[in-house]
């Protein structure tokens, strides 16, 4: 695509009114997962609109830490993370983030 064609496409895209994105209500998490797997273009469009509008924020810088946790806690985190289809370290980070957010608002 030439630069002129890209510019024309961009102008056309900006002039086309955007349809609201319709996401159904789900009865279960499994039903929702199946729907999202079948409609990846919806997630891509939501992200594209968020980036375009400036509503996305950059990721916070990460710092590596080492902590000692009881083995049963690690095993429980691994089991729960597996049920949710997540890596256990990501799951632990999510739990920590939510707990800190809750503490700050208390």
C-alpha atoms as a PDB file:
ATOM      1  CA  UNK A   1       0.000   0.000   0.000  1.00  0.00           C
ATOM      2  CA  UNK A   2       1.448   3.358  -0.981  1.00  0.00           C
ATOM      3  CA  UNK A   3       1.682   6.239   1.439  1.00  0.00           C
ATOM      4  CA  UNK A   4      -1.116   8.020  -0.436  1.00  0.00           C
ATOM      5  CA  UNK A   5      -3.357   4.941  -0.172  1.00  0.00           C
ATOM      6  CA  UNK A   6      -2.596   4.681   3.545  1.00  0.00           C
ATOM      7  CA  UNK A   7      -3.562   8.323   4.033  1.00  0.00           C
ATOM      8  CA  UNK A   8      -6.814   7.859   2.088  1.00  0.00           C
ATOM      9  CA  UNK A   9      -7.641   4.747   4.122  1.00  0.00           C
ATOM     10  CA  UNK A  10      -6.910   6.567   7.381  1.00  0.00           C
ATOM     11  CA  UNK A  11      -9.160   9.490   6.356  1.00  0.00           C
ATOM     12  CA  UNK A  12     -11.924   7.066   5.366  1.00  0.00           C
ATOM     13  CA  UNK A  13     -11.576   5.130   8.636  1.00  0.00           C
ATOM     14  CA  UNK A  14     -11.796   8.335  10.667  1.00  0.00           C
ATOM     15  CA  UNK A  15     -14.987   9.418   8.837  1.00  0.00           C
ATOM     16  CA  UNK A  16     -16.842   6.116   9.263  1.00  0.00           C
ATOM     17  CA  UNK A  17     -19.090   6.218  12.344  1.00  0.00           C
ATOM     18  CA  UNK A  18     -18.230   3.487  14.831  1.00  0.00           C
ATOM     19  CA  UNK A  19     -20.898   0.984  15.787  1.00  0.00           C
ATOM     20  CA  UNK A  20     -21.264   0.296  19.493  1.00  0.00           C
ATOM     21  CA  UNK A  21     -19.660  -2.988  20.473  1.00  0.00           C
ATOM     22  CA  UNK A  22     -22.223  -5.490  21.698  1.00  0.00           C
ATOM     23  CA  UNK A  23     -21.068  -8.104  24.200  1.00  0.00           C
ATOM     24  CA  UNK A  24     -23.727 -10.527  25.454  1.00  0.00           C
ATOM     25  CA  UNK A  25     -24.384 -11.427  29.077  1.00  0.00           C
ATOM     26  CA  UNK A  26     -22.930 -14.789  30.080  1.00  0.00           C
ATOM     27  CA  UNK A  27     -24.264 -17.361  32.523  1.00  0.00           C
ATOM     28  CA  UNK A  28     -20.874 -18.931  33.218  1.00  0.00           C
ATOM     29  CA  UNK A  29     -17.192 -18.127  32.896  1.00  0.00           C
ATOM     30  CA  UNK A  30     -16.826 -21.084  30.526  1.00  0.00           C
ATOM     31  CA  UNK A  31     -19.560 -19.699  28.257  1.00  0.00           C
ATOM     32  CA  UNK A  32     -17.808 -16.328  28.236  1.00  0.00           C
ATOM     33  CA  UNK A  33     -14.455 -17.945  27.372  1.00  0.00           C
ATOM     34  CA  UNK A  34     -16.012 -19.789  24.426  1.00  0.00           C
ATOM     35  CA  UNK A  35     -17.573 -16.549  23.147  1.00  0.00           C
ATOM     36  CA  UNK A  36     -14.316 -14.567  23.387  1.00  0.00           C
ATOM     37  CA  UNK A  37     -12.415 -17.392  21.656  1.00  0.00           C
ATOM     38  CA  UNK A  38     -14.939 -17.266  18.809  1.00  0.00           C
ATOM     39  CA  UNK A  39     -14.832 -13.434  18.546  1.00  0.00           C
ATOM     40  CA  UNK A  40     -11.195 -12.280  18.794  1.00  0.00           C
ATOM     41  CA  UNK A  41     -11.980  -9.355  16.499  1.00  0.00           C
ATOM     42  CA  UNK A  42     -14.151  -7.814  19.235  1.00  0.00           C
ATOM     43  CA  UNK A  43     -11.266  -7.794  21.717  1.00  0.00           C
ATOM     44  CA  UNK A  44      -8.984  -6.360  19.023  1.00  0.00           C
ATOM     45  CA  UNK A  45     -11.494  -3.598  18.234  1.00  0.00           C
ATOM     46  CA  UNK A  46     -11.928  -2.710  21.918  1.00  0.00           C
ATOM     47  CA  UNK A  47      -8.155  -2.453  22.296  1.00  0.00           C
ATOM     48  CA  UNK A  48      -7.773  -0.472  19.072  1.00  0.00           C
ATOM     49  CA  UNK A  49     -10.384   2.059  20.202  1.00  0.00           C
ATOM     50  CA  UNK A  50      -8.806   2.352  23.655  1.00  0.00           C
ATOM     51  CA  UNK A  51      -5.355   2.982  22.183  1.00  0.00           C
ATOM     52  CA  UNK A  52      -6.726   5.477  19.685  1.00  0.00           C
ATOM     53  CA  UNK A  53      -8.573   7.400  22.412  1.00  0.00           C
ATOM     54  CA  UNK A  54      -5.555   7.433  24.723  1.00  0.00           C
ATOM     55  CA  UNK A  55      -7.368   5.496  27.452  1.00  0.00           C
ATOM     56  CA  UNK A  56      -4.649   2.886  27.751  1.00  0.00           C
ATOM     57  CA  UNK A  57      -1.891   3.369  30.263  1.00  0.00           C
ATOM     58  CA  UNK A  58       1.639   2.135  30.071  1.00  0.00           C
ATOM     59  CA  UNK A  59       2.680  -0.801  32.165  1.00  0.00           C
ATOM     60  CA  UNK A  60       4.296  -0.014  35.488  1.00  0.00           C
ATOM     61  CA  UNK A  61       7.972  -0.879  35.667  1.00  0.00           C
ATOM     62  CA  UNK A  62       8.568  -4.288  37.195  1.00  0.00           C
ATOM     63  CA  UNK A  63      11.061  -5.138  39.910  1.00  0.00           C
ATOM     64  CA  UNK A  64      12.163  -8.681  40.646  1.00  0.00           C
ATOM     65  CA  UNK A  65      11.711  -9.789  44.246  1.00  0.00           C
ATOM     66  CA  UNK A  66      12.354 -13.024  46.087  1.00  0.00           C
ATOM     67  CA  UNK A  67      10.112 -14.063  48.966  1.00  0.00           C
ATOM     68  CA  UNK A  68       9.799 -17.260  50.926  1.00  0.00           C
ATOM     69  CA  UNK A  69       6.267 -18.637  51.128  1.00  0.00           C
ATOM     70  CA  UNK A  70       4.959 -21.761  52.846  1.00  0.00           C
ATOM     71  CA  UNK A  71       4.819 -24.730  50.452  1.00  0.00           C
ATOM     72  CA  UNK A  72       1.064 -25.281  51.058  1.00  0.00           C
ATOM     73  CA  UNK A  73       0.382 -21.674  49.999  1.00  0.00           C
ATOM     74  CA  UNK A  74       2.375 -22.147  46.790  1.00  0.00           C
ATOM     75  CA  UNK A  75       0.541 -25.410  46.072  1.00  0.00           C
ATOM     76  CA  UNK A  76      -2.840 -23.755  46.669  1.00  0.00           C
ATOM     77  CA  UNK A  77      -1.883 -20.874  44.365  1.00  0.00           C
ATOM     78  CA  UNK A  78      -0.748 -23.336  41.688  1.00  0.00           C
ATOM     79  CA  UNK A  79      -4.014 -25.287  41.919  1.00  0.00           C
ATOM     80  CA  UNK A  80      -6.197 -22.172  41.774  1.00  0.00           C
ATOM     81  CA  UNK A  81      -4.140 -20.656  38.966  1.00  0.00           C
ATOM     82  CA  UNK A  82      -4.427 -23.885  36.986  1.00  0.00           C
ATOM     83  CA  UNK A  83      -8.235 -23.807  37.397  1.00  0.00           C
ATOM     84  CA  UNK A  84      -8.230 -20.283  35.960  1.00  0.00           C
ATOM     85  CA  UNK A  85      -5.787 -21.139  33.178  1.00  0.00           C
ATOM     86  CA  UNK A  86      -3.091 -18.786  34.485  1.00  0.00           C
ATOM     87  CA  UNK A  87       0.567 -19.179  35.375  1.00  0.00           C
ATOM     88  CA  UNK A  88       0.755 -19.346  39.174  1.00  0.00           C
ATOM     89  CA  UNK A  89       3.183 -16.427  39.516  1.00  0.00           C
ATOM     90  CA  UNK A  90       0.816 -14.232  37.502  1.00  0.00           C
ATOM     91  CA  UNK A  91      -2.024 -15.373  39.739  1.00  0.00           C
ATOM     92  CA  UNK A  92      -0.056 -14.484  42.884  1.00  0.00           C
ATOM     93  CA  UNK A  93       0.712 -11.035  41.417  1.00  0.00           C
ATOM     94  CA  UNK A  94      -2.995 -10.529  40.735  1.00  0.00           C
ATOM     95  CA  UNK A  95      -3.907 -11.527  44.295  1.00  0.00           C
ATOM     96  CA  UNK A  96      -1.280  -9.200  45.750  1.00  0.00           C
ATOM     97  CA  UNK A  97      -2.421  -6.334  43.530  1.00  0.00           C
ATOM     98  CA  UNK A  98      -6.080  -6.786  44.547  1.00  0.00           C
ATOM     99  CA  UNK A  99      -5.204  -7.066  48.258  1.00  0.00           C
ATOM    100  CA  UNK A 100      -3.125  -3.870  48.101  1.00  0.00           C
ATOM    101  CA  UNK A 101      -5.898  -2.033  46.279  1.00  0.00           C
ATOM    102  CA  UNK A 102      -8.414  -3.163  48.912  1.00  0.00           C
ATOM    103  CA  UNK A 103      -6.118  -2.105  51.785  1.00  0.00           C
ATOM    104  CA  UNK A 104      -5.510   1.322  50.250  1.00  0.00           C
ATOM    105  CA  UNK A 105      -9.245   1.992  49.931  1.00  0.00           C
ATOM    106  CA  UNK A 106     -10.029   0.812  53.487  1.00  0.00           C
END
